[in-house]
Amino acid sequence: MEKLESKSKVAICENCQSFVLACATDHLSKETEKEFTEFTNMGFTVKIESKEETIKRGYSYWENCINSNCNLKIKES
């Protein structure tokens, strides 16, 4: 059985599949949950996955993703 600590909640850009916010599920605060809700409302996918999956995704700054200036352009190069 997996430990709760090995899971992370992430907000993922639909374009480049990078994460814009990640938090260990055992460290979520009301403020962080509010941020995840805001990212959902902006069109990001929010899900729970293993920390390893999150690390493989890499990070992208959310404003870049909103402005279509995200890691997608780097990956396409």
PDB file of N, CA and C in Angstrom:
ATOM      1  N   MET A   1       0.844  -1.181   0.000  1.00  0.00           N
ATOM      2  CA  MET A   1       0.000   0.000   0.000  1.00  0.00           C
ATOM      3  C   MET A   1       0.890   1.245   0.000  1.00  0.00           C
ATOM      4  N   GLU A   2       0.550   2.233  -0.828  1.00  0.00           N
ATOM      5  CA  GLU A   2       1.343   3.449  -0.896  1.00  0.00           C
ATOM      6  C   GLU A   2       1.032   4.357   0.276  1.00  0.00           C
ATOM      7  N   LYS A   3       2.065   5.030   0.740  1.00  0.00           N
ATOM      8  CA  LYS A   3       1.872   6.008   1.803  1.00  0.00           C
ATOM      9  C   LYS A   3       1.268   7.271   1.217  1.00  0.00           C
ATOM     10  N   LEU A   4       0.511   7.981   2.024  1.00  0.00           N
ATOM     11  CA  LEU A   4      -0.082   9.236   1.597  1.00  0.00           C
ATOM     12  C   LEU A   4       0.995  10.230   1.174  1.00  0.00           C
ATOM     13  N   GLU A   5       2.140  10.223   1.885  1.00  0.00           N
ATOM     14  CA  GLU A   5       3.197  11.181   1.606  1.00  0.00           C
ATOM     15  C   GLU A   5       3.803  11.027   0.212  1.00  0.00           C
ATOM     16  N   SER A   6       3.645   9.875  -0.407  1.00  0.00           N
ATOM     17  CA  SER A   6       4.235   9.679  -1.733  1.00  0.00           C
ATOM     18  C   SER A   6       3.330  10.184  -2.854  1.00  0.00           C
ATOM     19  N   LYS A   7       2.241  10.821  -2.490  1.00  0.00           N
ATOM     20  CA  LYS A   7       1.311  11.377  -3.473  1.00  0.00           C
ATOM     21  C   LYS A   7       1.390  12.895  -3.472  1.00  0.00           C
ATOM     22  N   SER A   8       1.168  13.484  -4.626  1.00  0.00           N
ATOM     23  CA  SER A   8       1.113  14.940  -4.704  1.00  0.00           C
ATOM     24  C   SER A   8      -0.124  15.359  -5.483  1.00  0.00           C
ATOM     25  N   LYS A   9      -0.635  16.507  -5.116  1.00  0.00           N
ATOM     26  CA  LYS A   9      -1.737  17.111  -5.856  1.00  0.00           C
ATOM     27  C   LYS A   9      -1.115  18.140  -6.778  1.00  0.00           C
ATOM     28  N   VAL A  10      -1.490  18.103  -8.047  1.00  0.00           N
ATOM     29  CA  VAL A  10      -0.849  18.963  -9.038  1.00  0.00           C
ATOM     30  C   VAL A  10      -1.875  19.655  -9.920  1.00  0.00           C
ATOM     31  N   ALA A  11      -1.518  20.862 -10.352  1.00  0.00           N
ATOM     32  CA  ALA A  11      -2.256  21.579 -11.384  1.00  0.00           C
ATOM     33  C   ALA A  11      -1.405  21.496 -12.640  1.00  0.00           C
ATOM     34  N   ILE A  12      -1.987  20.971 -13.713  1.00  0.00           N
ATOM     35  CA  ILE A  12      -1.233  20.638 -14.923  1.00  0.00           C
ATOM     36  C   ILE A  12      -1.723  21.471 -16.106  1.00  0.00           C
ATOM     37  N   CYS A  13      -0.773  21.999 -16.863  1.00  0.00           N
ATOM     38  CA  CYS A  13      -1.086  22.722 -18.097  1.00  0.00           C
ATOM     39  C   CYS A  13      -1.541  21.716 -19.151  1.00  0.00           C
ATOM     40  N   GLU A  14      -2.660  21.975 -19.774  1.00  0.00           N
ATOM     41  CA  GLU A  14      -3.177  21.083 -20.815  1.00  0.00           C
ATOM     42  C   GLU A  14      -2.312  21.108 -22.072  1.00  0.00           C
ATOM     43  N   ASN A  15      -1.601  22.198 -22.312  1.00  0.00           N
ATOM     44  CA  ASN A  15      -0.780  22.313 -23.517  1.00  0.00           C
ATOM     45  C   ASN A  15       0.534  21.568 -23.410  1.00  0.00           C
ATOM     46  N   CYS A  16       1.296  21.858 -22.348  1.00  0.00           N
ATOM     47  CA  CYS A  16       2.641  21.292 -22.264  1.00  0.00           C
ATOM     48  C   CYS A  16       2.760  20.150 -21.258  1.00  0.00           C
ATOM     49  N   GLN A  17       1.689  19.890 -20.505  1.00  0.00           N
ATOM     50  CA  GLN A  17       1.649  18.811 -19.513  1.00  0.00           C
ATOM     51  C   GLN A  17       2.648  19.004 -18.369  1.00  0.00           C
ATOM     52  N   SER A  18       3.157  20.221 -18.184  1.00  0.00           N
ATOM     53  CA  SER A  18       3.995  20.540 -17.031  1.00  0.00           C
ATOM     54  C   SER A  18       3.094  20.936 -15.869  1.00  0.00           C
ATOM     55  N   PHE A  19       3.648  20.910 -14.654  1.00  0.00           N
ATOM     56  CA  PHE A  19       2.831  21.348 -13.530  1.00  0.00           C
ATOM     57  C   PHE A  19       3.108  22.813 -13.217  1.00  0.00           C
ATOM     58  N   VAL A  20       2.068  23.513 -12.780  1.00  0.00           N
ATOM     59  CA  VAL A  20       2.193  24.907 -12.384  1.00  0.00           C
ATOM     60  C   VAL A  20       2.070  25.064 -10.871  1.00  0.00           C
ATOM     61  N   LEU A  21       1.552  24.035 -10.207  1.00  0.00           N
ATOM     62  CA  LEU A  21       1.472  23.997  -8.755  1.00  0.00           C
ATOM     63  C   LEU A  21       1.461  22.548  -8.320  1.00  0.00           C
ATOM     64  N   ALA A  22       2.243  22.226  -7.297  1.00  0.00           N
ATOM     65  CA  ALA A  22       2.263  20.872  -6.751  1.00  0.00           C
ATOM     66  C   ALA A  22       2.441  20.959  -5.246  1.00  0.00           C
ATOM     67  N   CYS A  23       1.779  20.047  -4.555  1.00  0.00           N
ATOM     68  CA  CYS A  23       1.880  20.020  -3.103  1.00  0.00           C
ATOM     69  C   CYS A  23       1.689  18.590  -2.623  1.00  0.00           C
ATOM     70  N   ALA A  24       2.483  18.178  -1.640  1.00  0.00           N
ATOM     71  CA  ALA A  24       2.285  16.858  -1.041  1.00  0.00           C
ATOM     72  C   ALA A  24       0.896  16.817  -0.409  1.00  0.00           C
ATOM     73  N   THR A  25       0.176  15.733  -0.607  1.00  0.00           N
ATOM     74  CA  THR A  25      -1.212  15.662  -0.148  1.00  0.00           C
ATOM     75  C   THR A  25      -1.346  15.798   1.358  1.00  0.00           C
ATOM     76  N   ASP A  26      -0.303  15.481   2.110  1.00  0.00           N
ATOM     77  CA  ASP A  26      -0.399  15.622   3.566  1.00  0.00           C
ATOM     78  C   ASP A  26       0.002  17.012   4.054  1.00  0.00           C
ATOM     79  N   HIS A  27       0.277  17.938   3.141  1.00  0.00           N
ATOM     80  CA  HIS A  27       0.622  19.314   3.515  1.00  0.00           C
ATOM     81  C   HIS A  27      -0.312  20.345   2.890  1.00  0.00           C
ATOM     82  N   LEU A  28      -1.496  19.941   2.467  1.00  0.00           N
ATOM     83  CA  LEU A  28      -2.433  20.878   1.854  1.00  0.00           C
ATOM     84  C   LEU A  28      -3.052  21.780   2.918  1.00  0.00           C
ATOM     85  N   SER A  29      -3.094  23.061   2.623  1.00  0.00           N
ATOM     86  CA  SER A  29      -3.734  24.024   3.519  1.00  0.00           C
ATOM     87  C   SER A  29      -4.980  24.569   2.826  1.00  0.00           C
ATOM     88  N   LYS A  30      -5.781  25.317   3.546  1.00  0.00           N
ATOM     89  CA  LYS A  30      -6.966  25.934   2.933  1.00  0.00           C
ATOM     90  C   LYS A  30      -6.557  26.881   1.813  1.00  0.00           C
ATOM     91  N   GLU A  31      -5.461  27.598   2.018  1.00  0.00           N
ATOM     92  CA  GLU A  31      -4.977  28.532   0.992  1.00  0.00           C
ATOM     93  C   GLU A  31      -4.536  27.782  -0.265  1.00  0.00           C
ATOM     94  N   THR A  32      -3.830  26.676  -0.090  1.00  0.00           N
ATOM     95  CA  THR A  32      -3.385  25.889  -1.240  1.00  0.00           C
ATOM     96  C   THR A  32      -4.575  25.290  -1.975  1.00  0.00           C
ATOM     97  N   GLU A  33      -5.575  24.809  -1.245  1.00  0.00           N
ATOM     98  CA  GLU A  33      -6.785  24.279  -1.885  1.00  0.00           C
ATOM     99  C   GLU A  33      -7.475  25.371  -2.692  1.00  0.00           C
ATOM    100  N   LYS A  34      -7.475  26.600  -2.160  1.00  0.00           N
ATOM    101  CA  LYS A  34      -8.062  27.734  -2.888  1.00  0.00           C
ATOM    102  C   LYS A  34      -7.307  27.971  -4.197  1.00  0.00           C
ATOM    103  N   GLU A  35      -5.969  27.874  -4.140  1.00  0.00           N
ATOM    104  CA  GLU A  35      -5.155  28.034  -5.350  1.00  0.00           C
ATOM    105  C   GLU A  35      -5.482  26.959  -6.384  1.00  0.00           C
ATOM    106  N   PHE A  36      -5.641  25.701  -5.943  1.00  0.00           N
ATOM    107  CA  PHE A  36      -5.992  24.631  -6.874  1.00  0.00           C
ATOM    108  C   PHE A  36      -7.347  24.904  -7.525  1.00  0.00           C
ATOM    109  N   THR A  37      -8.299  25.406  -6.752  1.00  0.00           N
ATOM    110  CA  THR A  37      -9.619  25.752  -7.303  1.00  0.00           C
ATOM    111  C   THR A  37      -9.487  26.843  -8.361  1.00  0.00           C
ATOM    112  N   GLU A  38      -8.661  27.846  -8.074  1.00  0.00           N
ATOM    113  CA  GLU A  38      -8.445  28.932  -9.039  1.00  0.00           C
ATOM    114  C   GLU A  38      -7.812  28.405 -10.326  1.00  0.00           C
ATOM    115  N   PHE A  39      -6.835  27.502 -10.196  1.00  0.00           N
ATOM    116  CA  PHE A  39      -6.212  26.929 -11.392  1.00  0.00           C
ATOM    117  C   PHE A  39      -7.214  26.092 -12.188  1.00  0.00           C
ATOM    118  N   THR A  40      -8.090  25.370 -11.509  1.00  0.00           N
ATOM    119  CA  THR A  40      -9.144  24.611 -12.200  1.00  0.00           C
ATOM    120  C   THR A  40     -10.022  25.566 -12.998  1.00  0.00           C
ATOM    121  N   ASN A  41     -10.386  26.680 -12.384  1.00  0.00           N
ATOM    122  CA  ASN A  41     -11.231  27.676 -13.049  1.00  0.00           C
ATOM    123  C   ASN A  41     -10.540  28.322 -14.241  1.00  0.00           C
ATOM    124  N   MET A  42      -9.205  28.341 -14.240  1.00  0.00           N
ATOM    125  CA  MET A  42      -8.446  28.906 -15.365  1.00  0.00           C
ATOM    126  C   MET A  42      -8.202  27.884 -16.470  1.00  0.00           C
ATOM    127  N   GLY A  43      -8.631  26.622 -16.267  1.00  0.00           N
ATOM    128  CA  GLY A  43      -8.490  25.626 -17.324  1.00  0.00           C
ATOM    129  C   GLY A  43      -7.382  24.616 -17.123  1.00  0.00           C
ATOM    130  N   PHE A  44      -6.696  24.670 -15.991  1.00  0.00           N
ATOM    131  CA  PHE A  44      -5.673  23.676 -15.695  1.00  0.00           C
ATOM    132  C   PHE A  44      -6.344  22.414 -15.162  1.00  0.00           C
ATOM    133  N   THR A  45      -5.723  21.268 -15.388  1.00  0.00           N
ATOM    134  CA  THR A  45      -6.206  19.998 -14.850  1.00  0.00           C
ATOM    135  C   THR A  45      -5.599  19.810 -13.466  1.00  0.00           C
ATOM    136  N   VAL A  46      -6.430  19.452 -12.489  1.00  0.00           N
ATOM    137  CA  VAL A  46      -5.930  19.179 -11.145  1.00  0.00           C
ATOM    138  C   VAL A  46      -6.162  17.712 -10.852  1.00  0.00           C
ATOM    139  N   LYS A  47      -5.095  17.025 -10.415  1.00  0.00           N
ATOM    140  CA  LYS A  47      -5.213  15.609 -10.104  1.00  0.00           C
ATOM    141  C   LYS A  47      -4.193  15.204  -9.049  1.00  0.00           C
ATOM    142  N   ILE A  48      -4.366  14.019  -8.529  1.00  0.00           N
ATOM    143  CA  ILE A  48      -3.415  13.456  -7.573  1.00  0.00           C
ATOM    144  C   ILE A  48      -2.621  12.380  -8.296  1.00  0.00           C
ATOM    145  N   GLU A  49      -1.305  12.431  -8.122  1.00  0.00           N
ATOM    146  CA  GLU A  49      -0.428  11.462  -8.762  1.00  0.00           C
ATOM    147  C   GLU A  49       0.774  11.214  -7.847  1.00  0.00           C
ATOM    148  N   SER A  50       1.622  10.288  -8.229  1.00  0.00           N
ATOM    149  CA  SER A  50       2.813  10.004  -7.430  1.00  0.00           C
ATOM    150  C   SER A  50       3.808  11.157  -7.573  1.00  0.00           C
ATOM    151  N   LYS A  51       4.642  11.324  -6.563  1.00  0.00           N
ATOM    152  CA  LYS A  51       5.668  12.369  -6.629  1.00  0.00           C
ATOM    153  C   LYS A  51       6.599  12.139  -7.817  1.00  0.00           C
ATOM    154  N   GLU A  52       6.868  10.877  -8.131  1.00  0.00           N
ATOM    155  CA  GLU A  52       7.746  10.558  -9.266  1.00  0.00           C
ATOM    156  C   GLU A  52       7.157  11.067 -10.576  1.00  0.00           C
ATOM    157  N   GLU A  53       5.842  10.877 -10.752  1.00  0.00           N
ATOM    158  CA  GLU A  53       5.179  11.382 -11.965  1.00  0.00           C
ATOM    159  C   GLU A  53       5.289  12.899 -12.043  1.00  0.00           C
ATOM    160  N   THR A  54       5.091  13.550 -10.911  1.00  0.00           N
ATOM    161  CA  THR A  54       5.161  15.011 -10.874  1.00  0.00           C
ATOM    162  C   THR A  54       6.548  15.499 -11.231  1.00  0.00           C
ATOM    163  N   ILE A  55       7.571  14.884 -10.661  1.00  0.00           N
ATOM    164  CA  ILE A  55       8.952  15.288 -10.930  1.00  0.00           C
ATOM    165  C   ILE A  55       9.285  15.117 -12.413  1.00  0.00           C
ATOM    166  N   LYS A  56       8.804  14.051 -13.033  1.00  0.00           N
ATOM    167  CA  LYS A  56       9.064  13.815 -14.466  1.00  0.00           C
ATOM    168  C   LYS A  56       8.410  14.875 -15.341  1.00  0.00           C
ATOM    169  N   ARG A  57       7.288  15.429 -14.880  1.00  0.00           N
ATOM    170  CA  ARG A  57       6.593  16.457 -15.669  1.00  0.00           C
ATOM    171  C   ARG A  57       7.425  17.709 -15.849  1.00  0.00           C
ATOM    172  N   GLY A  58       8.090  18.140 -14.802  1.00  0.00           N
ATOM    173  CA  GLY A  58       8.772  19.418 -14.844  1.00  0.00           C
ATOM    174  C   GLY A  58       7.797  20.548 -14.538  1.00  0.00           C
ATOM    175  N   TYR A  59       8.355  21.719 -14.327  1.00  0.00           N
ATOM    176  CA  TYR A  59       7.591  22.894 -13.896  1.00  0.00           C
ATOM    177  C   TYR A  59       7.490  23.910 -15.026  1.00  0.00           C
ATOM    178  N   SER A  60       6.351  24.573 -15.086  1.00  0.00           N
ATOM    179  CA  SER A  60       6.177  25.703 -15.987  1.00  0.00           C
ATOM    180  C   SER A  60       5.482  26.811 -15.215  1.00  0.00           C
ATOM    181  N   TYR A  61       5.892  28.040 -15.418  1.00  0.00           N
ATOM    182  CA  TYR A  61       5.274  29.165 -14.731  1.00  0.00           C
ATOM    183  C   TYR A  61       3.875  29.387 -15.300  1.00  0.00           C
ATOM    184  N   TRP A  62       2.858  29.489 -14.441  1.00  0.00           N
ATOM    185  CA  TRP A  62       1.466  29.499 -14.897  1.00  0.00           C
ATOM    186  C   TRP A  62       1.154  30.634 -15.850  1.00  0.00           C
ATOM    187  N   GLU A  63       1.769  31.801 -15.653  1.00  0.00           N
ATOM    188  CA  GLU A  63       1.482  32.919 -16.560  1.00  0.00           C
ATOM    189  C   GLU A  63       1.960  32.613 -17.976  1.00  0.00           C
ATOM    190  N   ASN A  64       3.051  31.862 -18.094  1.00  0.00           N
ATOM    191  CA  ASN A  64       3.526  31.456 -19.423  1.00  0.00           C
ATOM    192  C   ASN A  64       2.499  30.539 -20.080  1.00  0.00           C
ATOM    193  N   CYS A  65       1.945  29.609 -19.304  1.00  0.00           N
ATOM    194  CA  CYS A  65       0.960  28.668 -19.857  1.00  0.00           C
ATOM    195  C   CYS A  65      -0.332  29.384 -20.259  1.00  0.00           C
ATOM    196  N   ILE A  66      -0.778  30.312 -19.440  1.00  0.00           N
ATOM    197  CA  ILE A  66      -2.001  31.066 -19.757  1.00  0.00           C
ATOM    198  C   ILE A  66      -1.809  31.859 -21.044  1.00  0.00           C
ATOM    199  N   ASN A  67      -0.614  32.379 -21.258  1.00  0.00           N
ATOM    200  CA  ASN A  67      -0.327  33.205 -22.433  1.00  0.00           C
ATOM    201  C   ASN A  67       0.219  32.400 -23.610  1.00  0.00           C
ATOM    202  N   SER A  68       0.042  31.059 -23.559  1.00  0.00           N
ATOM    203  CA  SER A  68       0.539  30.175 -24.618  1.00  0.00           C
ATOM    204  C   SER A  68       2.024  30.358 -24.889  1.00  0.00           C
ATOM    205  N   ASN A  69       2.762  30.609 -23.829  1.00  0.00           N
ATOM    206  CA  ASN A  69       4.199  30.823 -23.923  1.00  0.00           C
ATOM    207  C   ASN A  69       4.901  29.772 -23.067  1.00  0.00           C
ATOM    208  N   CYS A  70       4.311  28.612 -22.969  1.00  0.00           N
ATOM    209  CA  CYS A  70       4.742  27.607 -21.999  1.00  0.00           C
ATOM    210  C   CYS A  70       5.800  26.657 -22.551  1.00  0.00           C
ATOM    211  N   ASN A  71       6.045  25.594 -21.790  1.00  0.00           N
ATOM    212  CA  ASN A  71       7.051  24.606 -22.170  1.00  0.00           C
ATOM    213  C   ASN A  71       6.718  23.884 -23.476  1.00  0.00           C
ATOM    214  N   LEU A  72       5.490  23.990 -23.967  1.00  0.00           N
ATOM    215  CA  LEU A  72       5.121  23.385 -25.232  1.00  0.00           C
ATOM    216  C   LEU A  72       6.031  23.916 -26.337  1.00  0.00           C
ATOM    217  N   LYS A  73       6.280  25.206 -26.316  1.00  0.00           N
ATOM    218  CA  LYS A  73       7.125  25.814 -27.339  1.00  0.00           C
ATOM    219  C   LYS A  73       8.570  25.306 -27.225  1.00  0.00           C
ATOM    220  N   ILE A  74       9.027  25.061 -25.996  1.00  0.00           N
ATOM    221  CA  ILE A  74      10.373  24.538 -25.791  1.00  0.00           C
ATOM    222  C   ILE A  74      10.451  23.116 -26.303  1.00  0.00           C
ATOM    223  N   LYS A  75       9.417  22.296 -26.012  1.00  0.00           N
ATOM    224  CA  LYS A  75       9.415  20.895 -26.441  1.00  0.00           C
ATOM    225  C   LYS A  75       9.320  20.750 -27.945  1.00  0.00           C
ATOM    226  N   GLU A  76       8.643  21.707 -28.604  1.00  0.00           N
ATOM    227  CA  GLU A  76       8.477  21.634 -30.055  1.00  0.00           C
ATOM    228  C   GLU A  76       9.751  22.011 -30.793  1.00  0.00           C
ATOM    229  N   SER A  77      10.643  22.765 -30.139  1.00  0.00           N
ATOM    230  CA  SER A  77      11.871  23.266 -30.776  1.00  0.00           C
ATOM    231  C   SER A  77      12.789  22.138 -31.167  1.00  0.00           C
TER     232      SER A  77
END
